[in-house]
Amino acid sequence: MSNKVMVIDDSKTIRRSAETLLQKEGYEVITASDGFESLSKIVEHNPDIIFIDIMMPRLDGYQTCALIKHNDKYKDIPIIMLTSKDGLFDRARGKVAGAQSYVTKPFTKDDLLNAIGQVSA
């Protein structure tokens, strides 16, 4: 079972919410506030699954996703995009960057678990 999950979001509320929901389900959760911070934490913690917010300062979710997917060591980690926009363009762009799935904010515990189930199968 994939039990180490990373949540990358510039919103402290979103990070805390996802962390609380996932920890209650037995997941170990690592959080990062932006793409740059996440890169060193990925190397340090080697997560099984990564949730990435699309809209972040400095390095957005697409750029962060692409960087992870271009690294041979981490390219197989499933990535789930977190978005407040559920548009077709965002989904297409996420797929191009290498994301396997999408969760629209605000999310529920079931949204997160279903997304994890999809990419872990």
PDB file of N, CA and C in Angstrom:
ATOM      1  N   MET A   1       0.845  -1.201   0.000  1.00  0.00           N
ATOM      2  CA  MET A   1       0.000   0.000   0.000  1.00  0.00           C
ATOM      3  C   MET A   1       0.879   1.249   0.000  1.00  0.00           C
ATOM      4  N   SER A   2       0.489   2.203  -0.772  1.00  0.00           N
ATOM      5  CA  SER A   2       1.216   3.474  -0.802  1.00  0.00           C
ATOM      6  C   SER A   2       0.798   4.261   0.426  1.00  0.00           C
ATOM      7  N   ASN A   3       1.709   4.469   1.355  1.00  0.00           N
ATOM      8  CA  ASN A   3       1.264   5.134   2.571  1.00  0.00           C
ATOM      9  C   ASN A   3       1.982   6.433   2.900  1.00  0.00           C
ATOM     10  N   LYS A   4       2.909   6.842   2.036  1.00  0.00           N
ATOM     11  CA  LYS A   4       3.592   8.120   2.279  1.00  0.00           C
ATOM     12  C   LYS A   4       3.130   9.108   1.211  1.00  0.00           C
ATOM     13  N   VAL A   5       2.377  10.103   1.650  1.00  0.00           N
ATOM     14  CA  VAL A   5       1.760  11.049   0.721  1.00  0.00           C
ATOM     15  C   VAL A   5       2.321  12.444   0.941  1.00  0.00           C
ATOM     16  N   MET A   6       2.665  13.121  -0.154  1.00  0.00           N
ATOM     17  CA  MET A   6       3.111  14.500  -0.054  1.00  0.00           C
ATOM     18  C   MET A   6       2.018  15.421  -0.580  1.00  0.00           C
ATOM     19  N   VAL A   7       1.779  16.518   0.142  1.00  0.00           N
ATOM     20  CA  VAL A   7       0.803  17.519  -0.286  1.00  0.00           C
ATOM     21  C   VAL A   7       1.542  18.841  -0.474  1.00  0.00           C
ATOM     22  N   ILE A   8       1.527  19.360  -1.715  1.00  0.00           N
ATOM     23  CA  ILE A   8       2.203  20.619  -2.029  1.00  0.00           C
ATOM     24  C   ILE A   8       1.132  21.658  -2.353  1.00  0.00           C
ATOM     25  N   ASP A   9       1.018  22.655  -1.502  1.00  0.00           N
ATOM     26  CA  ASP A   9       0.011  23.705  -1.715  1.00  0.00           C
ATOM     27  C   ASP A   9       0.464  24.955  -0.978  1.00  0.00           C
ATOM     28  N   ASP A  10       0.283  26.120  -1.599  1.00  0.00           N
ATOM     29  CA  ASP A  10       0.713  27.352  -0.934  1.00  0.00           C
ATOM     30  C   ASP A  10      -0.289  27.787   0.136  1.00  0.00           C
ATOM     31  N   SER A  11      -1.454  27.135   0.197  1.00  0.00           N
ATOM     32  CA  SER A  11      -2.440  27.461   1.233  1.00  0.00           C
ATOM     33  C   SER A  11      -2.233  26.563   2.452  1.00  0.00           C
ATOM     34  N   LYS A  12      -1.938  27.200   3.579  1.00  0.00           N
ATOM     35  CA  LYS A  12      -1.739  26.467   4.825  1.00  0.00           C
ATOM     36  C   LYS A  12      -3.007  25.707   5.201  1.00  0.00           C
ATOM     37  N   THR A  13      -4.164  26.311   4.950  1.00  0.00           N
ATOM     38  CA  THR A  13      -5.458  25.682   5.260  1.00  0.00           C
ATOM     39  C   THR A  13      -5.635  24.391   4.469  1.00  0.00           C
ATOM     40  N   ILE A  14      -5.337  24.437   3.184  1.00  0.00           N
ATOM     41  CA  ILE A  14      -5.467  23.245   2.334  1.00  0.00           C
ATOM     42  C   ILE A  14      -4.489  22.161   2.792  1.00  0.00           C
ATOM     43  N   ARG A  15      -3.244  22.563   3.057  1.00  0.00           N
ATOM     44  CA  ARG A  15      -2.246  21.578   3.515  1.00  0.00           C
ATOM     45  C   ARG A  15      -2.705  20.907   4.802  1.00  0.00           C
ATOM     46  N   ARG A  16      -3.149  21.713   5.742  1.00  0.00           N
ATOM     47  CA  ARG A  16      -3.564  21.183   7.041  1.00  0.00           C
ATOM     48  C   ARG A  16      -4.786  20.278   6.897  1.00  0.00           C
ATOM     49  N   SER A  17      -5.728  20.697   6.070  1.00  0.00           N
ATOM     50  CA  SER A  17      -6.945  19.926   5.841  1.00  0.00           C
ATOM     51  C   SER A  17      -6.618  18.562   5.229  1.00  0.00           C
ATOM     52  N   ALA A  18      -5.819  18.552   4.178  1.00  0.00           N
ATOM     53  CA  ALA A  18      -5.443  17.285   3.524  1.00  0.00           C
ATOM     54  C   ALA A  18      -4.655  16.405   4.480  1.00  0.00           C
ATOM     55  N   GLU A  19      -3.744  17.019   5.226  1.00  0.00           N
ATOM     56  CA  GLU A  19      -2.917  16.270   6.170  1.00  0.00           C
ATOM     57  C   GLU A  19      -3.787  15.589   7.227  1.00  0.00           C
ATOM     58  N   THR A  20      -4.727  16.328   7.790  1.00  0.00           N
ATOM     59  CA  THR A  20      -5.615  15.785   8.820  1.00  0.00           C
ATOM     60  C   THR A  20      -6.452  14.633   8.276  1.00  0.00           C
ATOM     61  N   LEU A  21      -7.075  14.852   7.113  1.00  0.00           N
ATOM     62  CA  LEU A  21      -7.925  13.816   6.512  1.00  0.00           C
ATOM     63  C   LEU A  21      -7.133  12.542   6.210  1.00  0.00           C
ATOM     64  N   LEU A  22      -5.933  12.699   5.652  1.00  0.00           N
ATOM     65  CA  LEU A  22      -5.145  11.531   5.270  1.00  0.00           C
ATOM     66  C   LEU A  22      -4.520  10.825   6.475  1.00  0.00           C
ATOM     67  N   GLN A  23      -4.097  11.595   7.477  1.00  0.00           N
ATOM     68  CA  GLN A  23      -3.516  10.967   8.672  1.00  0.00           C
ATOM     69  C   GLN A  23      -4.547  10.103   9.393  1.00  0.00           C
ATOM     70  N   LYS A  24      -5.798  10.552   9.401  1.00  0.00           N
ATOM     71  CA  LYS A  24      -6.865   9.766  10.033  1.00  0.00           C
ATOM     72  C   LYS A  24      -7.037   8.418   9.338  1.00  0.00           C
ATOM     73  N   GLU A  25      -6.649   8.360   8.065  1.00  0.00           N
ATOM     74  CA  GLU A  25      -6.765   7.110   7.297  1.00  0.00           C
ATOM     75  C   GLU A  25      -5.472   6.286   7.348  1.00  0.00           C
ATOM     76  N   GLY A  26      -4.518   6.740   8.169  1.00  0.00           N
ATOM     77  CA  GLY A  26      -3.297   5.965   8.357  1.00  0.00           C
ATOM     78  C   GLY A  26      -2.136   6.313   7.441  1.00  0.00           C
ATOM     79  N   TYR A  27      -2.266   7.397   6.687  1.00  0.00           N
ATOM     80  CA  TYR A  27      -1.174   7.804   5.803  1.00  0.00           C
ATOM     81  C   TYR A  27      -0.167   8.664   6.549  1.00  0.00           C
ATOM     82  N   GLU A  28       1.092   8.531   6.148  1.00  0.00           N
ATOM     83  CA  GLU A  28       2.129   9.448   6.626  1.00  0.00           C
ATOM     84  C   GLU A  28       2.109  10.610   5.641  1.00  0.00           C
ATOM     85  N   VAL A  29       2.010  11.835   6.138  1.00  0.00           N
ATOM     86  CA  VAL A  29       1.869  12.984   5.245  1.00  0.00           C
ATOM     87  C   VAL A  29       3.035  13.957   5.398  1.00  0.00           C
ATOM     88  N   ILE A  30       3.612  14.307   4.268  1.00  0.00           N
ATOM     89  CA  ILE A  30       4.665  15.322   4.221  1.00  0.00           C
ATOM     90  C   ILE A  30       4.064  16.512   3.479  1.00  0.00           C
ATOM     91  N   THR A  31       4.271  17.715   3.972  1.00  0.00           N
ATOM     92  CA  THR A  31       3.712  18.877   3.276  1.00  0.00           C
ATOM     93  C   THR A  31       4.824  19.822   2.830  1.00  0.00           C
ATOM     94  N   ALA A  32       4.529  20.562   1.767  1.00  0.00           N
ATOM     95  CA  ALA A  32       5.443  21.587   1.269  1.00  0.00           C
ATOM     96  C   ALA A  32       4.592  22.758   0.810  1.00  0.00           C
ATOM     97  N   SER A  33       5.118  23.973   0.998  1.00  0.00           N
ATOM     98  CA  SER A  33       4.327  25.161   0.682  1.00  0.00           C
ATOM     99  C   SER A  33       4.484  25.637  -0.757  1.00  0.00           C
ATOM    100  N   ASP A  34       5.488  25.098  -1.472  1.00  0.00           N
ATOM    101  CA  ASP A  34       5.613  25.440  -2.891  1.00  0.00           C
ATOM    102  C   ASP A  34       6.500  24.418  -3.599  1.00  0.00           C
ATOM    103  N   GLY A  35       6.613  24.578  -4.904  1.00  0.00           N
ATOM    104  CA  GLY A  35       7.373  23.632  -5.709  1.00  0.00           C
ATOM    105  C   GLY A  35       8.834  23.522  -5.318  1.00  0.00           C
ATOM    106  N   PHE A  36       9.452  24.657  -5.012  1.00  0.00           N
ATOM    107  CA  PHE A  36      10.872  24.629  -4.640  1.00  0.00           C
ATOM    108  C   PHE A  36      11.085  23.845  -3.351  1.00  0.00           C
ATOM    109  N   GLU A  37      10.251  24.125  -2.351  1.00  0.00           N
ATOM    110  CA  GLU A  37      10.382  23.413  -1.073  1.00  0.00           C
ATOM    111  C   GLU A  37      10.127  21.923  -1.272  1.00  0.00           C
ATOM    112  N   SER A  38       9.197  21.591  -2.163  1.00  0.00           N
ATOM    113  CA  SER A  38       8.838  20.183  -2.356  1.00  0.00           C
ATOM    114  C   SER A  38       9.993  19.371  -2.932  1.00  0.00           C
ATOM    115  N   LEU A  39      10.814  19.981  -3.786  1.00  0.00           N
ATOM    116  CA  LEU A  39      11.867  19.218  -4.459  1.00  0.00           C
ATOM    117  C   LEU A  39      12.858  18.613  -3.470  1.00  0.00           C
ATOM    118  N   SER A  40      13.277  19.394  -2.476  1.00  0.00           N
ATOM    119  CA  SER A  40      14.212  18.838  -1.491  1.00  0.00           C
ATOM    120  C   SER A  40      13.513  17.815  -0.597  1.00  0.00           C
ATOM    121  N   LYS A  41      12.228  18.048  -0.325  1.00  0.00           N
ATOM    122  CA  LYS A  41      11.490  17.104   0.529  1.00  0.00           C
ATOM    123  C   LYS A  41      11.216  15.778  -0.189  1.00  0.00           C
ATOM    124  N   ILE A  42      11.056  15.827  -1.506  1.00  0.00           N
ATOM    125  CA  ILE A  42      10.866  14.592  -2.270  1.00  0.00           C
ATOM    126  C   ILE A  42      12.131  13.742  -2.182  1.00  0.00           C
ATOM    127  N   VAL A  43      13.286  14.392  -2.323  1.00  0.00           N
ATOM    128  CA  VAL A  43      14.569  13.689  -2.222  1.00  0.00           C
ATOM    129  C   VAL A  43      14.723  13.093  -0.823  1.00  0.00           C
ATOM    130  N   GLU A  44      14.341  13.868   0.184  1.00  0.00           N
ATOM    131  CA  GLU A  44      14.498  13.441   1.577  1.00  0.00           C
ATOM    132  C   GLU A  44      13.531  12.318   1.965  1.00  0.00           C
ATOM    133  N   HIS A  45      12.258  12.419   1.537  1.00  0.00           N
ATOM    134  CA  HIS A  45      11.217  11.488   2.015  1.00  0.00           C
ATOM    135  C   HIS A  45      10.768  10.435   1.008  1.00  0.00           C
ATOM    136  N   ASN A  46      11.055  10.624  -0.281  1.00  0.00           N
ATOM    137  CA  ASN A  46      10.661   9.694  -1.326  1.00  0.00           C
ATOM    138  C   ASN A  46       9.191   9.243  -1.181  1.00  0.00           C
ATOM    139  N   PRO A  47       8.234  10.162  -1.353  1.00  0.00           N
ATOM    140  CA  PRO A  47       6.824   9.828  -1.148  1.00  0.00           C
ATOM    141  C   PRO A  47       6.290   8.840  -2.191  1.00  0.00           C
ATOM    142  N   ASP A  48       5.204   8.130  -1.833  1.00  0.00           N
ATOM    143  CA  ASP A  48       4.580   7.164  -2.743  1.00  0.00           C
ATOM    144  C   ASP A  48       3.629   7.854  -3.714  1.00  0.00           C
ATOM    145  N   ILE A  49       3.009   8.931  -3.254  1.00  0.00           N
ATOM    146  CA  ILE A  49       2.029   9.677  -4.053  1.00  0.00           C
ATOM    147  C   ILE A  49       2.202  11.159  -3.741  1.00  0.00           C
ATOM    148  N   ILE A  50       2.001  12.019  -4.748  1.00  0.00           N
ATOM    149  CA  ILE A  50       2.136  13.460  -4.530  1.00  0.00           C
ATOM    150  C   ILE A  50       0.893  14.195  -5.022  1.00  0.00           C
ATOM    151  N   PHE A  51       0.336  15.031  -4.142  1.00  0.00           N
ATOM    152  CA  PHE A  51      -0.734  15.955  -4.530  1.00  0.00           C
ATOM    153  C   PHE A  51      -0.080  17.308  -4.765  1.00  0.00           C
ATOM    154  N   ILE A  52      -0.357  17.932  -5.912  1.00  0.00           N
ATOM    155  CA  ILE A  52       0.242  19.238  -6.214  1.00  0.00           C
ATOM    156  C   ILE A  52      -0.849  20.238  -6.594  1.00  0.00           C
ATOM    157  N   ASP A  53      -0.834  21.372  -5.917  1.00  0.00           N
ATOM    158  CA  ASP A  53      -1.726  22.481  -6.269  1.00  0.00           C
ATOM    159  C   ASP A  53      -1.233  23.086  -7.584  1.00  0.00           C
ATOM    160  N   ILE A  54      -2.165  23.465  -8.452  1.00  0.00           N
ATOM    161  CA  ILE A  54      -1.752  24.063  -9.729  1.00  0.00           C
ATOM    162  C   ILE A  54      -1.265  25.499  -9.544  1.00  0.00           C
ATOM    163  N   MET A  55      -2.077  26.315  -8.880  1.00  0.00           N
ATOM    164  CA  MET A  55      -1.758  27.739  -8.755  1.00  0.00           C
ATOM    165  C   MET A  55      -0.872  28.011  -7.543  1.00  0.00           C
ATOM    166  N   MET A  56       0.432  28.118  -7.777  1.00  0.00           N
ATOM    167  CA  MET A  56       1.370  28.449  -6.699  1.00  0.00           C
ATOM    168  C   MET A  56       2.354  29.487  -7.220  1.00  0.00           C
ATOM    169  N   PRO A  57       2.859  30.321  -6.320  1.00  0.00           N
ATOM    170  CA  PRO A  57       3.866  31.309  -6.749  1.00  0.00           C
ATOM    171  C   PRO A  57       5.197  30.624  -7.080  1.00  0.00           C
ATOM    172  N   ARG A  58       6.044  31.325  -7.777  1.00  0.00           N
ATOM    173  CA  ARG A  58       7.403  30.874  -8.146  1.00  0.00           C
ATOM    174  C   ARG A  58       7.392  29.690  -9.108  1.00  0.00           C
ATOM    175  N   LEU A  59       6.994  28.533  -8.630  1.00  0.00           N
ATOM    176  CA  LEU A  59       7.000  27.327  -9.453  1.00  0.00           C
ATOM    177  C   LEU A  59       5.593  26.754  -9.370  1.00  0.00           C
ATOM    178  N   ASP A  60       4.831  26.799 -10.470  1.00  0.00           N
ATOM    179  CA  ASP A  60       3.443  26.334 -10.377  1.00  0.00           C
ATOM    180  C   ASP A  60       3.357  24.805 -10.421  1.00  0.00           C
ATOM    181  N   GLY A  61       2.145  24.303 -10.277  1.00  0.00           N
ATOM    182  CA  GLY A  61       1.947  22.857 -10.208  1.00  0.00           C
ATOM    183  C   GLY A  61       2.387  22.121 -11.456  1.00  0.00           C
ATOM    184  N   TYR A  62       2.153  22.717 -12.628  1.00  0.00           N
ATOM    185  CA  TYR A  62       2.561  22.076 -13.876  1.00  0.00           C
ATOM    186  C   TYR A  62       4.080  21.966 -13.950  1.00  0.00           C
ATOM    187  N   GLN A  63       4.762  23.057 -13.592  1.00  0.00           N
ATOM    188  CA  GLN A  63       6.230  23.078 -13.641  1.00  0.00           C
ATOM    189  C   GLN A  63       6.813  22.077 -12.631  1.00  0.00           C
ATOM    190  N   THR A  64       6.219  22.054 -11.426  1.00  0.00           N
ATOM    191  CA  THR A  64       6.693  21.132 -10.391  1.00  0.00           C
ATOM    192  C   THR A  64       6.497  19.691 -10.852  1.00  0.00           C
ATOM    193  N   CYS A  65       5.326  19.407 -11.394  1.00  0.00           N
ATOM    194  CA  CYS A  65       5.012  18.072 -11.905  1.00  0.00           C
ATOM    195  C   CYS A  65       6.013  17.669 -12.992  1.00  0.00           C
ATOM    196  N   ALA A  66       6.255  18.562 -13.936  1.00  0.00           N
ATOM    197  CA  ALA A  66       7.175  18.271 -15.038  1.00  0.00           C
ATOM    198  C   ALA A  66       8.592  18.003 -14.529  1.00  0.00           C
ATOM    199  N   LEU A  67       9.035  18.774 -13.541  1.00  0.00           N
ATOM    200  CA  LEU A  67      10.379  18.571 -12.976  1.00  0.00           C
ATOM    201  C   LEU A  67      10.494  17.182 -12.343  1.00  0.00           C
ATOM    202  N   ILE A  68       9.459  16.785 -11.600  1.00  0.00           N
ATOM    203  CA  ILE A  68       9.472  15.470 -10.948  1.00  0.00           C
ATOM    204  C   ILE A  68       9.482  14.375 -12.023  1.00  0.00           C
ATOM    205  N   LYS A  69       8.647  14.541 -13.044  1.00  0.00           N
ATOM    206  CA  LYS A  69       8.517  13.519 -14.087  1.00  0.00           C
ATOM    207  C   LYS A  69       9.754  13.422 -14.981  1.00  0.00           C
ATOM    208  N   HIS A  70      10.576  14.473 -15.014  1.00  0.00           N
ATOM    209  CA  HIS A  70      11.796  14.438 -15.820  1.00  0.00           C
ATOM    210  C   HIS A  70      12.984  13.879 -15.049  1.00  0.00           C
ATOM    211  N   ASN A  71      12.755  13.517 -13.782  1.00  0.00           N
ATOM    212  CA  ASN A  71      13.826  12.942 -12.974  1.00  0.00           C
ATOM    213  C   ASN A  71      13.642  11.418 -12.962  1.00  0.00           C
ATOM    214  N   ASP A  72      14.633  10.690 -13.459  1.00  0.00           N
ATOM    215  CA  ASP A  72      14.505   9.229 -13.563  1.00  0.00           C
ATOM    216  C   ASP A  72      14.178   8.542 -12.251  1.00  0.00           C
ATOM    217  N   LYS A  73      14.697   9.082 -11.163  1.00  0.00           N
ATOM    218  CA  LYS A  73      14.475   8.445  -9.864  1.00  0.00           C
ATOM    219  C   LYS A  73      13.031   8.613  -9.366  1.00  0.00           C
ATOM    220  N   TYR A  74      12.389   9.711  -9.751  1.00  0.00           N
ATOM    221  CA  TYR A  74      11.069  10.025  -9.188  1.00  0.00           C
ATOM    222  C   TYR A  74       9.931  10.008 -10.206  1.00  0.00           C
ATOM    223  N   LYS A  75      10.247   9.708 -11.480  1.00  0.00           N
ATOM    224  CA  LYS A  75       9.236   9.829 -12.542  1.00  0.00           C
ATOM    225  C   LYS A  75       8.053   8.873 -12.392  1.00  0.00           C
ATOM    226  N   ASP A  76       8.215   7.794 -11.627  1.00  0.00           N
ATOM    227  CA  ASP A  76       7.125   6.822 -11.476  1.00  0.00           C
ATOM    228  C   ASP A  76       6.202   7.124 -10.297  1.00  0.00           C
ATOM    229  N   ILE A  77       6.500   8.181  -9.538  1.00  0.00           N
ATOM    230  CA  ILE A  77       5.612   8.549  -8.426  1.00  0.00           C
ATOM    231  C   ILE A  77       4.328   9.131  -9.019  1.00  0.00           C
ATOM    232  N   PRO A  78       3.160   8.557  -8.683  1.00  0.00           N
ATOM    233  CA  PRO A  78       1.909   9.113  -9.209  1.00  0.00           C
ATOM    234  C   PRO A  78       1.671  10.529  -8.684  1.00  0.00           C
ATOM    235  N   ILE A  79       1.222  11.403  -9.585  1.00  0.00           N
ATOM    236  CA  ILE A  79       0.953  12.790  -9.210  1.00  0.00           C
ATOM    237  C   ILE A  79      -0.515  13.103  -9.434  1.00  0.00           C
ATOM    238  N   ILE A  80      -1.133  13.693  -8.426  1.00  0.00           N
ATOM    239  CA  ILE A  80      -2.538  14.100  -8.482  1.00  0.00           C
ATOM    240  C   ILE A  80      -2.571  15.616  -8.349  1.00  0.00           C
ATOM    241  N   MET A  81      -3.168  16.284  -9.329  1.00  0.00           N
ATOM    242  CA  MET A  81      -3.239  17.740  -9.293  1.00  0.00           C
ATOM    243  C   MET A  81      -4.406  18.191  -8.425  1.00  0.00           C
ATOM    244  N   LEU A  82      -4.159  19.202  -7.604  1.00  0.00           N
ATOM    245  CA  LEU A  82      -5.212  19.843  -6.807  1.00  0.00           C
ATOM    246  C   LEU A  82      -5.562  21.143  -7.510  1.00  0.00           C
ATOM    247  N   THR A  83      -6.826  21.337  -7.820  1.00  0.00           N
ATOM    248  CA  THR A  83      -7.183  22.546  -8.542  1.00  0.00           C
ATOM    249  C   THR A  83      -8.521  23.105  -8.107  1.00  0.00           C
ATOM    250  N   SER A  84      -8.624  24.402  -8.156  1.00  0.00           N
ATOM    251  CA  SER A  84      -9.924  25.017  -7.901  1.00  0.00           C
ATOM    252  C   SER A  84     -10.631  25.194  -9.229  1.00  0.00           C
ATOM    253  N   LYS A  85      -9.880  24.937 -10.320  1.00  0.00           N
ATOM    254  CA  LYS A  85     -10.462  25.013 -11.659  1.00  0.00           C
ATOM    255  C   LYS A  85     -10.604  23.593 -12.178  1.00  0.00           C
ATOM    256  N   ASP A  86     -11.767  23.258 -12.699  1.00  0.00           N
ATOM    257  CA  ASP A  86     -11.958  21.898 -13.182  1.00  0.00           C
ATOM    258  C   ASP A  86     -12.109  21.883 -14.695  1.00  0.00           C
ATOM    259  N   GLY A  87     -11.424  22.794 -15.367  1.00  0.00           N
ATOM    260  CA  GLY A  87     -11.564  22.925 -16.815  1.00  0.00           C
ATOM    261  C   GLY A  87     -10.828  21.858 -17.600  1.00  0.00           C
ATOM    262  N   LEU A  88     -11.301  21.638 -18.809  1.00  0.00           N
ATOM    263  CA  LEU A  88     -10.660  20.664 -19.697  1.00  0.00           C
ATOM    264  C   LEU A  88      -9.231  21.063 -20.015  1.00  0.00           C
ATOM    265  N   PHE A  89      -8.993  22.375 -20.179  1.00  0.00           N
ATOM    266  CA  PHE A  89      -7.649  22.846 -20.494  1.00  0.00           C
ATOM    267  C   PHE A  89      -6.682  22.488 -19.360  1.00  0.00           C
ATOM    268  N   ASP A  90      -7.121  22.698 -18.108  1.00  0.00           N
ATOM    269  CA  ASP A  90      -6.268  22.368 -16.957  1.00  0.00           C
ATOM    270  C   ASP A  90      -5.953  20.878 -16.914  1.00  0.00           C
ATOM    271  N   ARG A  91      -6.974  20.071 -17.178  1.00  0.00           N
ATOM    272  CA  ARG A  91      -6.772  18.614 -17.163  1.00  0.00           C
ATOM    273  C   ARG A  91      -5.786  18.203 -18.249  1.00  0.00           C
ATOM    274  N   ALA A  92      -5.965  18.774 -19.444  1.00  0.00           N
ATOM    275  CA  ALA A  92      -5.080  18.441 -20.564  1.00  0.00           C
ATOM    276  C   ALA A  92      -3.648  18.861 -20.253  1.00  0.00           C
ATOM    277  N   ARG A  93      -3.510  20.067 -19.703  1.00  0.00           N
ATOM    278  CA  ARG A  93      -2.179  20.567 -19.380  1.00  0.00           C
ATOM    279  C   ARG A  93      -1.527  19.712 -18.286  1.00  0.00           C
ATOM    280  N   GLY A  94      -2.337  19.279 -17.326  1.00  0.00           N
ATOM    281  CA  GLY A  94      -1.831  18.408 -16.263  1.00  0.00           C
ATOM    282  C   GLY A  94      -1.358  17.076 -16.810  1.00  0.00           C
ATOM    283  N   LYS A  95      -2.104  16.515 -17.742  1.00  0.00           N
ATOM    284  CA  LYS A  95      -1.724  15.240 -18.369  1.00  0.00           C
ATOM    285  C   LYS A  95      -0.398  15.386 -19.114  1.00  0.00           C
ATOM    286  N   VAL A  96      -0.249  16.497 -19.842  1.00  0.00           N
ATOM    287  CA  VAL A  96       0.990  16.754 -20.582  1.00  0.00           C
ATOM    288  C   VAL A  96       2.174  16.828 -19.616  1.00  0.00           C
ATOM    289  N   ALA A  97       1.949  17.452 -18.466  1.00  0.00           N
ATOM    290  CA  ALA A  97       3.014  17.585 -17.468  1.00  0.00           C
ATOM    291  C   ALA A  97       3.304  16.258 -16.777  1.00  0.00           C
ATOM    292  N   GLY A  98       2.364  15.306 -16.875  1.00  0.00           N
ATOM    293  CA  GLY A  98       2.600  13.978 -16.292  1.00  0.00           C
ATOM    294  C   GLY A  98       1.682  13.600 -15.141  1.00  0.00           C
ATOM    295  N   ALA A  99       0.661  14.407 -14.866  1.00  0.00           N
ATOM    296  CA  ALA A  99      -0.245  14.085 -13.755  1.00  0.00           C
ATOM    297  C   ALA A  99      -1.153  12.918 -14.125  1.00  0.00           C
ATOM    298  N   GLN A 100      -1.426  12.054 -13.144  1.00  0.00           N
ATOM    299  CA  GLN A 100      -2.288  10.897 -13.394  1.00  0.00           C
ATOM    300  C   GLN A 100      -3.742  11.172 -13.064  1.00  0.00           C
ATOM    301  N   SER A 101      -4.000  12.136 -12.178  1.00  0.00           N
ATOM    302  CA  SER A 101      -5.375  12.352 -11.748  1.00  0.00           C
ATOM    303  C   SER A 101      -5.564  13.780 -11.264  1.00  0.00           C
ATOM    304  N   TYR A 102      -6.800  14.096 -10.916  1.00  0.00           N
ATOM    305  CA  TYR A 102      -7.215  15.435 -10.513  1.00  0.00           C
ATOM    306  C   TYR A 102      -8.126  15.398  -9.318  1.00  0.00           C
ATOM    307  N   VAL A 103      -7.991  16.341  -8.425  1.00  0.00           N
ATOM    308  CA  VAL A 103      -8.965  16.546  -7.345  1.00  0.00           C
ATOM    309  C   VAL A 103      -9.291  18.034  -7.335  1.00  0.00           C
ATOM    310  N   THR A 104     -10.587  18.342  -7.341  1.00  0.00           N
ATOM    311  CA  THR A 104     -11.013  19.740  -7.334  1.00  0.00           C
ATOM    312  C   THR A 104     -11.244  20.199  -5.895  1.00  0.00           C
ATOM    313  N   LYS A 105     -10.753  21.398  -5.592  1.00  0.00           N
ATOM    314  CA  LYS A 105     -10.958  21.985  -4.260  1.00  0.00           C
ATOM    315  C   LYS A 105     -12.292  22.722  -4.253  1.00  0.00           C
ATOM    316  N   PRO A 106     -13.005  22.764  -3.146  1.00  0.00           N
ATOM    317  CA  PRO A 106     -12.701  22.077  -1.880  1.00  0.00           C
ATOM    318  C   PRO A 106     -12.944  20.574  -2.012  1.00  0.00           C
ATOM    319  N   PHE A 107     -12.073  19.781  -1.395  1.00  0.00           N
ATOM    320  CA  PHE A 107     -12.178  18.331  -1.509  1.00  0.00           C
ATOM    321  C   PHE A 107     -12.659  17.714  -0.201  1.00  0.00           C
ATOM    322  N   THR A 108     -13.167  16.485  -0.323  1.00  0.00           N
ATOM    323  CA  THR A 108     -13.583  15.718   0.849  1.00  0.00           C
ATOM    324  C   THR A 108     -12.555  14.605   1.059  1.00  0.00           C
ATOM    325  N   LYS A 109     -12.660  13.922   2.168  1.00  0.00           N
ATOM    326  CA  LYS A 109     -11.796  12.776   2.441  1.00  0.00           C
ATOM    327  C   LYS A 109     -11.957  11.749   1.317  1.00  0.00           C
ATOM    328  N   ASP A 110     -13.216  11.520   0.889  1.00  0.00           N
ATOM    329  CA  ASP A 110     -13.468  10.539  -0.173  1.00  0.00           C
ATOM    330  C   ASP A 110     -12.816  10.938  -1.490  1.00  0.00           C
ATOM    331  N   ASP A 111     -12.812  12.243  -1.800  1.00  0.00           N
ATOM    332  CA  ASP A 111     -12.155  12.720  -3.027  1.00  0.00           C
ATOM    333  C   ASP A 111     -10.675  12.329  -3.004  1.00  0.00           C
ATOM    334  N   LEU A 112     -10.020  12.580  -1.873  1.00  0.00           N
ATOM    335  CA  LEU A 112      -8.589  12.283  -1.755  1.00  0.00           C
ATOM    336  C   LEU A 112      -8.343  10.770  -1.841  1.00  0.00           C
ATOM    337  N   LEU A 113      -9.147  10.005  -1.108  1.00  0.00           N
ATOM    338  CA  LEU A 113      -8.960   8.553  -1.086  1.00  0.00           C
ATOM    339  C   LEU A 113      -9.264   7.919  -2.437  1.00  0.00           C
ATOM    340  N   ASN A 114     -10.294   8.421  -3.129  1.00  0.00           N
ATOM    341  CA  ASN A 114     -10.614   7.893  -4.461  1.00  0.00           C
ATOM    342  C   ASN A 114      -9.474   8.155  -5.432  1.00  0.00           C
ATOM    343  N   ALA A 115      -8.900   9.366  -5.365  1.00  0.00           N
ATOM    344  CA  ALA A 115      -7.778   9.702  -6.244  1.00  0.00           C
ATOM    345  C   ALA A 115      -6.574   8.798  -5.956  1.00  0.00           C
ATOM    346  N   ILE A 116      -6.303   8.566  -4.676  1.00  0.00           N
ATOM    347  CA  ILE A 116      -5.195   7.672  -4.295  1.00  0.00           C
ATOM    348  C   ILE A 116      -5.479   6.267  -4.815  1.00  0.00           C
ATOM    349  N   GLY A 117      -6.739   5.821  -4.682  1.00  0.00           N
ATOM    350  CA  GLY A 117      -7.131   4.500  -5.173  1.00  0.00           C
ATOM    351  C   GLY A 117      -6.932   4.357  -6.673  1.00  0.00           C
ATOM    352  N   GLN A 118      -7.254   5.415  -7.408  1.00  0.00           N
ATOM    353  CA  GLN A 118      -7.106   5.394  -8.875  1.00  0.00           C
ATOM    354  C   GLN A 118      -5.650   5.225  -9.290  1.00  0.00           C
ATOM    355  N   VAL A 119      -4.771   5.982  -8.664  1.00  0.00           N
ATOM    356  CA  VAL A 119      -3.369   5.940  -9.097  1.00  0.00           C
ATOM    357  C   VAL A 119      -2.588   4.788  -8.484  1.00  0.00           C
ATOM    358  N   SER A 120      -3.130   4.155  -7.429  1.00  0.00           N
ATOM    359  CA  SER A 120      -2.432   3.046  -6.781  1.00  0.00           C
ATOM    360  C   SER A 120      -2.802   1.713  -7.421  1.00  0.00           C
ATOM    361  N   ALA A 121      -3.903   1.702  -8.147  1.00  0.00           N
ATOM    362  CA  ALA A 121      -4.423   0.433  -8.691  1.00  0.00           C
ATOM    363  C   ALA A 121      -3.481  -0.177  -9.709  1.00  0.00           C
TER     364      ALA A 121
END
